[in-house]
Amino acid sequence: MGETYSQGHTSVLVVDDDPRMAGAVARRFRLEEDFQVYTISDVTGGSFRDRVVAFLESTRVDVLVTDVNLGDEIGFAIIHFIATAFRGSRHCPKFIVMTGKPENLDPKNGLLSHYPDVIPLIAAKHSKTADLAELVAKIRAIAPTPETKQHEKPTL
């Protein structure tokens, strides 16, 4: 498979089983000149994990943003699989997990304690301007800079 790699942009993959939410997030990112955004919101005939892995095999992604609940799948399970699959690679995406239900990220259930590198975003609705601005700010904080990317070579 070929590889997509953009040194001047922060590449973001948004994974959400609600196409409206994925679309709202993608539209917000497209307002930023330095973002390249991709979405996966439909997995007819497959799974989110399989679609994400296939996508990452051909496209370099700086940040993967996923919903906690993806139908029958769990965003954390996908993050675990991707982090394990890309272990040892110089480029494993950073992870942000979104949820509209704070109880999904309650420390008592242990999800975040097992994934210390995952950045949570609790939002009432992902389409709210403030929530999307917070998401953009979180991505800017963890994404590699163009200077950093300039010294890296694609490894996929």
N, C-alpha and C. Protein backbone atom coordinates (compact mmCIF):
# COMPACT_ATOMS: atom_id res chain seq x y z
N MET A 1 0.82 -1.18 0.00
CA MET A 1 0.00 0.00 0.00
C MET A 1 0.86 1.24 0.00
N GLY A 2 0.41 2.29 -0.64
CA GLY A 2 1.14 3.54 -0.63
C GLY A 2 0.97 4.25 0.70
N GLU A 3 1.77 5.26 0.91
CA GLU A 3 1.70 5.98 2.17
C GLU A 3 1.39 7.44 1.93
N THR A 4 0.53 7.98 2.75
CA THR A 4 0.27 9.40 2.74
C THR A 4 1.05 9.99 3.90
N TYR A 5 1.79 11.04 3.64
CA TYR A 5 2.61 11.64 4.67
C TYR A 5 2.76 13.11 4.37
N SER A 6 2.37 13.94 5.31
CA SER A 6 2.44 15.38 5.12
C SER A 6 3.24 15.99 6.24
N GLN A 7 4.42 16.52 5.93
CA GLN A 7 5.26 17.07 6.97
C GLN A 7 4.72 18.39 7.51
N GLY A 8 3.95 19.14 6.74
CA GLY A 8 3.50 20.44 7.17
C GLY A 8 2.17 20.44 7.90
N HIS A 9 1.51 19.33 7.95
CA HIS A 9 0.19 19.26 8.57
C HIS A 9 0.18 18.26 9.71
N THR A 10 -0.71 18.50 10.66
CA THR A 10 -0.99 17.52 11.70
C THR A 10 -2.10 16.63 11.16
N SER A 11 -1.82 15.34 11.03
CA SER A 11 -2.83 14.43 10.50
C SER A 11 -3.61 13.82 11.66
N VAL A 12 -4.93 13.85 11.50
CA VAL A 12 -5.84 13.41 12.55
C VAL A 12 -6.82 12.41 11.96
N LEU A 13 -6.98 11.27 12.62
CA LEU A 13 -7.98 10.29 12.24
C LEU A 13 -9.07 10.30 13.31
N VAL A 14 -10.31 10.59 12.90
CA VAL A 14 -11.45 10.62 13.81
C VAL A 14 -12.25 9.35 13.60
N VAL A 15 -12.46 8.58 14.67
CA VAL A 15 -13.20 7.33 14.61
C VAL A 15 -14.42 7.46 15.51
N ASP A 16 -15.61 7.42 14.91
CA ASP A 16 -16.85 7.55 15.68
C ASP A 16 -17.93 6.81 14.92
N ASP A 17 -18.76 6.04 15.63
CA ASP A 17 -19.81 5.28 14.96
C ASP A 17 -21.02 6.15 14.60
N ASP A 18 -21.01 7.40 15.01
CA ASP A 18 -22.07 8.32 14.64
C ASP A 18 -21.54 9.24 13.54
N PRO A 19 -21.95 9.03 12.30
CA PRO A 19 -21.44 9.84 11.19
C PRO A 19 -21.65 11.34 11.39
N ARG A 20 -22.74 11.74 12.07
CA ARG A 20 -22.97 13.16 12.31
C ARG A 20 -21.89 13.75 13.22
N MET A 21 -21.52 13.00 14.25
CA MET A 21 -20.49 13.48 15.17
C MET A 21 -19.13 13.51 14.47
N ALA A 22 -18.81 12.45 13.76
CA ALA A 22 -17.54 12.41 13.03
C ALA A 22 -17.47 13.56 12.03
N GLY A 23 -18.59 13.82 11.36
CA GLY A 23 -18.64 14.92 10.39
C GLY A 23 -18.46 16.28 11.04
N ALA A 24 -19.09 16.48 12.21
CA ALA A 24 -18.96 17.76 12.92
C ALA A 24 -17.51 17.99 13.34
N VAL A 25 -16.87 16.95 13.85
CA VAL A 25 -15.47 17.07 14.26
C VAL A 25 -14.60 17.35 13.03
N ALA A 26 -14.81 16.62 11.96
CA ALA A 26 -14.02 16.81 10.74
C ALA A 26 -14.19 18.21 10.18
N ARG A 27 -15.44 18.71 10.16
CA ARG A 27 -15.67 20.07 9.65
C ARG A 27 -14.92 21.10 10.49
N ARG A 28 -14.88 20.91 11.80
CA ARG A 28 -14.16 21.86 12.66
C ARG A 28 -12.66 21.84 12.34
N PHE A 29 -12.10 20.66 12.15
CA PHE A 29 -10.68 20.56 11.84
C PHE A 29 -10.35 21.18 10.50
N ARG A 30 -11.26 21.09 9.56
CA ARG A 30 -11.00 21.64 8.23
C ARG A 30 -10.92 23.17 8.24
N LEU A 31 -11.35 23.78 9.33
CA LEU A 31 -11.20 25.23 9.48
C LEU A 31 -9.76 25.61 9.81
N GLU A 32 -8.99 24.64 10.24
CA GLU A 32 -7.59 24.87 10.61
C GLU A 32 -6.73 24.55 9.39
N GLU A 33 -5.89 25.47 8.99
CA GLU A 33 -5.07 25.27 7.79
C GLU A 33 -4.01 24.19 7.97
N ASP A 34 -3.61 23.94 9.20
CA ASP A 34 -2.50 23.01 9.42
C ASP A 34 -2.94 21.62 9.85
N PHE A 35 -4.21 21.27 9.59
CA PHE A 35 -4.71 19.94 9.90
C PHE A 35 -5.09 19.19 8.62
N GLN A 36 -4.76 17.93 8.57
CA GLN A 36 -5.27 17.02 7.55
C GLN A 36 -6.13 16.03 8.31
N VAL A 37 -7.43 16.00 8.04
CA VAL A 37 -8.35 15.18 8.83
C VAL A 37 -8.95 14.07 7.99
N TYR A 38 -9.08 12.91 8.61
CA TYR A 38 -9.70 11.73 8.00
C TYR A 38 -10.75 11.22 8.99
N THR A 39 -11.79 10.58 8.49
CA THR A 39 -12.80 10.00 9.38
C THR A 39 -13.10 8.57 9.00
N ILE A 40 -13.42 7.80 10.02
CA ILE A 40 -13.98 6.45 9.84
C ILE A 40 -15.23 6.43 10.71
N SER A 41 -16.39 6.31 10.07
CA SER A 41 -17.63 6.30 10.84
C SER A 41 -18.57 5.18 10.40
N ASP A 42 -18.17 4.42 9.42
CA ASP A 42 -19.01 3.32 8.94
C ASP A 42 -18.13 2.10 8.70
N VAL A 43 -18.52 0.99 9.24
CA VAL A 43 -17.72 -0.23 9.07
C VAL A 43 -18.58 -1.37 8.54
N THR A 44 -19.43 -1.05 7.59
CA THR A 44 -20.28 -2.06 6.99
C THR A 44 -19.42 -3.24 6.53
N GLY A 45 -19.74 -4.42 7.03
CA GLY A 45 -19.02 -5.63 6.62
C GLY A 45 -17.67 -5.80 7.29
N GLY A 46 -17.40 -5.10 8.36
CA GLY A 46 -16.11 -5.22 9.03
C GLY A 46 -16.18 -4.71 10.45
N SER A 47 -15.04 -4.32 10.97
CA SER A 47 -14.99 -3.78 12.32
C SER A 47 -14.21 -2.47 12.31
N PHE A 48 -14.44 -1.67 13.33
CA PHE A 48 -13.67 -0.43 13.44
C PHE A 48 -12.19 -0.74 13.55
N ARG A 49 -11.83 -1.74 14.34
CA ARG A 49 -10.42 -2.08 14.51
C ARG A 49 -9.78 -2.41 13.17
N ASP A 50 -10.43 -3.25 12.38
CA ASP A 50 -9.87 -3.63 11.08
C ASP A 50 -9.73 -2.43 10.16
N ARG A 51 -10.74 -1.55 10.15
CA ARG A 51 -10.68 -0.35 9.29
C ARG A 51 -9.56 0.58 9.73
N VAL A 52 -9.42 0.78 11.06
CA VAL A 52 -8.37 1.66 11.57
C VAL A 52 -6.99 1.10 11.24
N VAL A 53 -6.79 -0.19 11.46
CA VAL A 53 -5.49 -0.81 11.17
C VAL A 53 -5.17 -0.68 9.68
N ALA A 54 -6.12 -0.98 8.82
CA ALA A 54 -5.89 -0.87 7.37
C ALA A 54 -5.55 0.58 7.00
N PHE A 55 -6.24 1.52 7.60
CA PHE A 55 -5.97 2.92 7.31
C PHE A 55 -4.56 3.30 7.75
N LEU A 56 -4.18 2.90 8.95
CA LEU A 56 -2.86 3.25 9.48
C LEU A 56 -1.72 2.56 8.73
N GLU A 57 -2.01 1.46 8.05
CA GLU A 57 -0.99 0.79 7.25
C GLU A 57 -0.64 1.59 6.00
N SER A 58 -1.56 2.46 5.58
CA SER A 58 -1.30 3.23 4.36
C SER A 58 -1.20 4.74 4.58
N THR A 59 -1.57 5.20 5.74
CA THR A 59 -1.60 6.63 6.00
C THR A 59 -1.00 6.93 7.36
N ARG A 60 -0.05 7.82 7.35
CA ARG A 60 0.59 8.21 8.61
C ARG A 60 -0.33 9.17 9.36
N VAL A 61 -0.60 8.87 10.62
CA VAL A 61 -1.50 9.66 11.44
C VAL A 61 -0.77 10.11 12.70
N ASP A 62 -0.88 11.40 13.02
CA ASP A 62 -0.26 11.93 14.23
C ASP A 62 -1.12 11.69 15.46
N VAL A 63 -2.42 11.88 15.31
CA VAL A 63 -3.34 11.77 16.44
C VAL A 63 -4.57 10.98 16.02
N LEU A 64 -4.94 9.98 16.83
CA LEU A 64 -6.15 9.21 16.60
C LEU A 64 -7.16 9.63 17.66
N VAL A 65 -8.32 10.15 17.22
CA VAL A 65 -9.39 10.58 18.11
C VAL A 65 -10.50 9.56 17.96
N THR A 66 -10.90 8.92 19.07
CA THR A 66 -11.93 7.91 18.99
C THR A 66 -12.98 8.11 20.07
N ASP A 67 -14.17 7.67 19.77
CA ASP A 67 -15.25 7.65 20.75
C ASP A 67 -14.99 6.45 21.67
N VAL A 68 -15.48 6.52 22.91
CA VAL A 68 -15.33 5.40 23.83
C VAL A 68 -16.14 4.21 23.35
N ASN A 69 -17.40 4.45 23.01
CA ASN A 69 -18.29 3.38 22.57
C ASN A 69 -18.48 3.45 21.06
N LEU A 70 -18.13 2.35 20.40
CA LEU A 70 -18.26 2.26 18.95
C LEU A 70 -19.16 1.08 18.61
N GLY A 71 -20.43 1.22 18.88
CA GLY A 71 -21.34 0.10 18.64
C GLY A 71 -20.97 -1.06 19.55
N ASP A 72 -20.60 -2.18 18.95
CA ASP A 72 -20.21 -3.37 19.71
C ASP A 72 -18.74 -3.34 20.11
N GLU A 73 -18.01 -2.33 19.69
CA GLU A 73 -16.58 -2.24 20.00
C GLU A 73 -16.33 -1.13 21.01
N ILE A 74 -15.17 -1.18 21.62
CA ILE A 74 -14.78 -0.18 22.61
C ILE A 74 -13.55 0.54 22.10
N GLY A 75 -13.60 1.87 22.12
CA GLY A 75 -12.48 2.67 21.64
C GLY A 75 -11.17 2.33 22.34
N PHE A 76 -11.23 2.03 23.64
CA PHE A 76 -10.00 1.67 24.35
C PHE A 76 -9.39 0.38 23.82
N ALA A 77 -10.22 -0.57 23.41
CA ALA A 77 -9.70 -1.81 22.85
C ALA A 77 -8.97 -1.55 21.54
N ILE A 78 -9.48 -0.63 20.75
CA ILE A 78 -8.82 -0.26 19.50
C ILE A 78 -7.49 0.43 19.80
N ILE A 79 -7.51 1.34 20.77
CA ILE A 79 -6.27 2.02 21.16
C ILE A 79 -5.23 1.01 21.62
N HIS A 80 -5.63 0.06 22.45
CA HIS A 80 -4.69 -0.97 22.93
C HIS A 80 -4.12 -1.76 21.76
N PHE A 81 -4.99 -2.16 20.85
CA PHE A 81 -4.53 -2.95 19.70
C PHE A 81 -3.54 -2.15 18.85
N ILE A 82 -3.87 -0.89 18.57
CA ILE A 82 -3.00 -0.05 17.73
C ILE A 82 -1.67 0.19 18.43
N ALA A 83 -1.71 0.52 19.71
CA ALA A 83 -0.48 0.78 20.46
C ALA A 83 0.41 -0.46 20.48
N THR A 84 -0.19 -1.62 20.61
CA THR A 84 0.58 -2.87 20.60
C THR A 84 1.11 -3.17 19.20
N ALA A 85 0.28 -3.00 18.20
CA ALA A 85 0.69 -3.30 16.82
C ALA A 85 1.82 -2.40 16.35
N PHE A 86 1.83 -1.15 16.81
CA PHE A 86 2.84 -0.19 16.38
C PHE A 86 3.99 -0.05 17.36
N ARG A 87 4.00 -0.88 18.41
CA ARG A 87 5.10 -0.83 19.37
C ARG A 87 6.41 -1.08 18.64
N GLY A 88 7.39 -0.29 18.96
CA GLY A 88 8.68 -0.43 18.29
C GLY A 88 8.80 0.45 17.05
N SER A 89 7.68 0.90 16.54
CA SER A 89 7.69 1.81 15.40
C SER A 89 8.05 3.20 15.92
N ARG A 90 8.76 3.96 15.10
CA ARG A 90 9.06 5.34 15.51
C ARG A 90 7.81 6.19 15.49
N HIS A 91 6.76 5.69 14.86
CA HIS A 91 5.57 6.52 14.79
C HIS A 91 4.32 5.73 15.16
N CYS A 92 3.89 5.92 16.39
CA CYS A 92 2.60 5.41 16.86
C CYS A 92 1.78 6.66 17.15
N PRO A 93 0.53 6.72 16.68
CA PRO A 93 -0.23 7.94 16.91
C PRO A 93 -0.47 8.20 18.39
N LYS A 94 -0.66 9.47 18.73
CA LYS A 94 -1.12 9.85 20.07
C LYS A 94 -2.62 9.59 20.08
N PHE A 95 -3.19 9.43 21.28
CA PHE A 95 -4.60 9.06 21.37
C PHE A 95 -5.40 10.03 22.21
N ILE A 96 -6.57 10.40 21.71
CA ILE A 96 -7.56 11.16 22.47
C ILE A 96 -8.85 10.36 22.39
N VAL A 97 -9.48 10.15 23.54
CA VAL A 97 -10.74 9.43 23.57
C VAL A 97 -11.84 10.40 23.98
N MET A 98 -12.93 10.41 23.20
CA MET A 98 -14.05 11.31 23.45
C MET A 98 -15.22 10.53 24.03
N THR A 99 -15.98 11.20 24.88
CA THR A 99 -17.21 10.61 25.37
C THR A 99 -18.15 11.71 25.81
N GLY A 100 -19.41 11.47 25.67
CA GLY A 100 -20.42 12.38 26.18
C GLY A 100 -20.89 11.97 27.56
N LYS A 101 -20.34 10.86 28.05
CA LYS A 101 -20.75 10.34 29.36
C LYS A 101 -19.53 10.26 30.27
N PRO A 102 -19.41 11.18 31.22
CA PRO A 102 -18.25 11.18 32.11
C PRO A 102 -18.02 9.85 32.82
N GLU A 103 -19.09 9.10 33.09
CA GLU A 103 -18.92 7.81 33.78
C GLU A 103 -18.10 6.82 32.96
N ASN A 104 -18.02 7.03 31.63
CA ASN A 104 -17.19 6.16 30.80
C ASN A 104 -15.70 6.27 31.14
N LEU A 105 -15.33 7.40 31.72
CA LEU A 105 -13.92 7.63 32.04
C LEU A 105 -13.68 7.68 33.55
N ASP A 106 -14.64 7.21 34.32
CA ASP A 106 -14.52 7.20 35.77
C ASP A 106 -13.31 6.36 36.18
N PRO A 107 -12.40 6.92 36.99
CA PRO A 107 -11.22 6.16 37.41
C PRO A 107 -11.56 4.85 38.11
N LYS A 108 -12.74 4.76 38.70
CA LYS A 108 -13.12 3.53 39.40
C LYS A 108 -13.24 2.34 38.45
N ASN A 109 -13.61 2.61 37.19
CA ASN A 109 -13.76 1.48 36.27
C ASN A 109 -12.42 1.09 35.64
N GLY A 110 -11.40 1.89 35.89
CA GLY A 110 -10.05 1.50 35.51
C GLY A 110 -9.63 1.71 34.08
N LEU A 111 -10.51 2.23 33.21
CA LEU A 111 -10.14 2.35 31.81
C LEU A 111 -8.93 3.26 31.63
N LEU A 112 -8.98 4.45 32.20
CA LEU A 112 -7.86 5.37 32.03
C LEU A 112 -6.62 4.90 32.77
N SER A 113 -6.78 4.17 33.88
CA SER A 113 -5.60 3.71 34.61
C SER A 113 -4.80 2.70 33.79
N HIS A 114 -5.44 2.02 32.87
CA HIS A 114 -4.74 1.06 32.00
C HIS A 114 -4.12 1.74 30.79
N TYR A 115 -4.53 2.95 30.51
CA TYR A 115 -4.05 3.68 29.33
C TYR A 115 -3.61 5.08 29.74
N PRO A 116 -2.48 5.19 30.43
CA PRO A 116 -2.07 6.50 30.95
C PRO A 116 -1.74 7.53 29.88
N ASP A 117 -1.43 7.11 28.67
CA ASP A 117 -1.09 8.06 27.62
C ASP A 117 -2.30 8.58 26.85
N VAL A 118 -3.47 8.06 27.16
CA VAL A 118 -4.69 8.49 26.48
C VAL A 118 -5.19 9.78 27.12
N ILE A 119 -5.51 10.75 26.28
CA ILE A 119 -6.03 12.03 26.77
C ILE A 119 -7.55 12.00 26.64
N PRO A 120 -8.26 12.19 27.76
CA PRO A 120 -9.72 12.16 27.70
C PRO A 120 -10.31 13.51 27.30
N LEU A 121 -11.47 13.47 26.64
CA LEU A 121 -12.24 14.67 26.35
C LEU A 121 -13.69 14.33 26.65
N ILE A 122 -14.20 14.93 27.71
CA ILE A 122 -15.60 14.72 28.09
C ILE A 122 -16.39 15.89 27.55
N ALA A 123 -17.36 15.60 26.72
CA ALA A 123 -18.14 16.66 26.09
C ALA A 123 -19.61 16.30 26.12
N ALA A 124 -20.44 17.30 26.30
CA ALA A 124 -21.88 17.06 26.26
C ALA A 124 -22.29 16.68 24.85
N LYS A 125 -21.76 17.40 23.88
CA LYS A 125 -22.00 17.09 22.46
C LYS A 125 -20.74 17.48 21.72
N HIS A 126 -20.24 16.60 20.89
CA HIS A 126 -18.99 16.87 20.18
C HIS A 126 -19.13 18.05 19.21
N SER A 127 -20.34 18.41 18.86
CA SER A 127 -20.53 19.48 17.89
C SER A 127 -20.53 20.87 18.52
N LYS A 128 -20.50 20.94 19.85
CA LYS A 128 -20.48 22.25 20.51
C LYS A 128 -19.15 22.95 20.21
N THR A 129 -19.23 24.23 19.93
CA THR A 129 -18.04 25.00 19.57
C THR A 129 -16.96 24.90 20.62
N ALA A 130 -17.30 25.05 21.90
CA ALA A 130 -16.30 25.01 22.97
C ALA A 130 -15.63 23.64 23.05
N ASP A 131 -16.41 22.57 22.91
CA ASP A 131 -15.85 21.22 22.96
C ASP A 131 -14.87 21.00 21.81
N LEU A 132 -15.23 21.45 20.63
CA LEU A 132 -14.37 21.27 19.47
C LEU A 132 -13.12 22.12 19.59
N ALA A 133 -13.25 23.31 20.13
CA ALA A 133 -12.07 24.15 20.35
C ALA A 133 -11.14 23.49 21.35
N GLU A 134 -11.71 22.86 22.38
CA GLU A 134 -10.89 22.14 23.36
C GLU A 134 -10.17 20.95 22.70
N LEU A 135 -10.87 20.26 21.83
CA LEU A 135 -10.26 19.14 21.12
C LEU A 135 -9.10 19.61 20.25
N VAL A 136 -9.29 20.70 19.51
CA VAL A 136 -8.22 21.25 18.68
C VAL A 136 -7.03 21.63 19.56
N ALA A 137 -7.29 22.26 20.70
CA ALA A 137 -6.20 22.67 21.61
C ALA A 137 -5.45 21.45 22.14
N LYS A 138 -6.16 20.38 22.48
CA LYS A 138 -5.50 19.17 22.98
C LYS A 138 -4.63 18.54 21.90
N ILE A 139 -5.11 18.54 20.67
CA ILE A 139 -4.33 17.97 19.58
C ILE A 139 -3.08 18.81 19.33
N ARG A 140 -3.24 20.11 19.33
CA ARG A 140 -2.06 20.97 19.15
C ARG A 140 -1.02 20.72 20.24
N ALA A 141 -1.47 20.43 21.45
CA ALA A 141 -0.55 20.22 22.56
C ALA A 141 0.25 18.93 22.43
N ILE A 142 -0.30 17.91 21.79
CA ILE A 142 0.39 16.62 21.74
C ILE A 142 0.97 16.27 20.38
N ALA A 143 0.54 16.98 19.34
CA ALA A 143 1.00 16.64 17.98
C ALA A 143 2.44 17.07 17.77
N PRO A 144 3.16 16.32 16.93
CA PRO A 144 4.52 16.74 16.61
C PRO A 144 4.50 18.05 15.84
N THR A 145 5.53 18.84 16.02
CA THR A 145 5.63 20.11 15.30
C THR A 145 6.15 19.84 13.90
N PRO A 146 5.94 20.77 12.96
CA PRO A 146 6.49 20.59 11.61
C PRO A 146 8.01 20.41 11.64
N GLU A 147 8.69 21.08 12.58
CA GLU A 147 10.14 20.93 12.69
C GLU A 147 10.52 19.51 13.09
N THR A 148 9.77 18.93 14.03
CA THR A 148 10.01 17.56 14.46
C THR A 148 9.75 16.59 13.33
N LYS A 149 8.64 16.79 12.62
CA LYS A 149 8.28 15.89 11.52
C LYS A 149 9.29 15.98 10.38
N GLN A 150 9.90 17.14 10.21
CA GLN A 150 10.85 17.33 9.13
C GLN A 150 12.05 16.40 9.28
N HIS A 151 12.39 16.04 10.52
CA HIS A 151 13.54 15.19 10.79
C HIS A 151 13.18 13.72 10.84
N GLU A 152 11.90 13.41 10.72
CA GLU A 152 11.47 12.02 10.73
C GLU A 152 11.28 11.52 9.32
N LYS A 153 11.44 10.23 9.17
CA LYS A 153 11.14 9.60 7.88
C LYS A 153 9.96 8.68 8.10
N PRO A 154 9.09 8.55 7.13
CA PRO A 154 7.97 7.63 7.27
C PRO A 154 8.49 6.22 7.54
N THR A 155 7.81 5.51 8.46
CA THR A 155 8.28 4.19 8.83
C THR A 155 7.28 3.09 8.53
N LEU A 156 6.12 3.44 8.03
CA LEU A 156 5.12 2.41 7.77
C LEU A 156 5.36 1.75 6.44
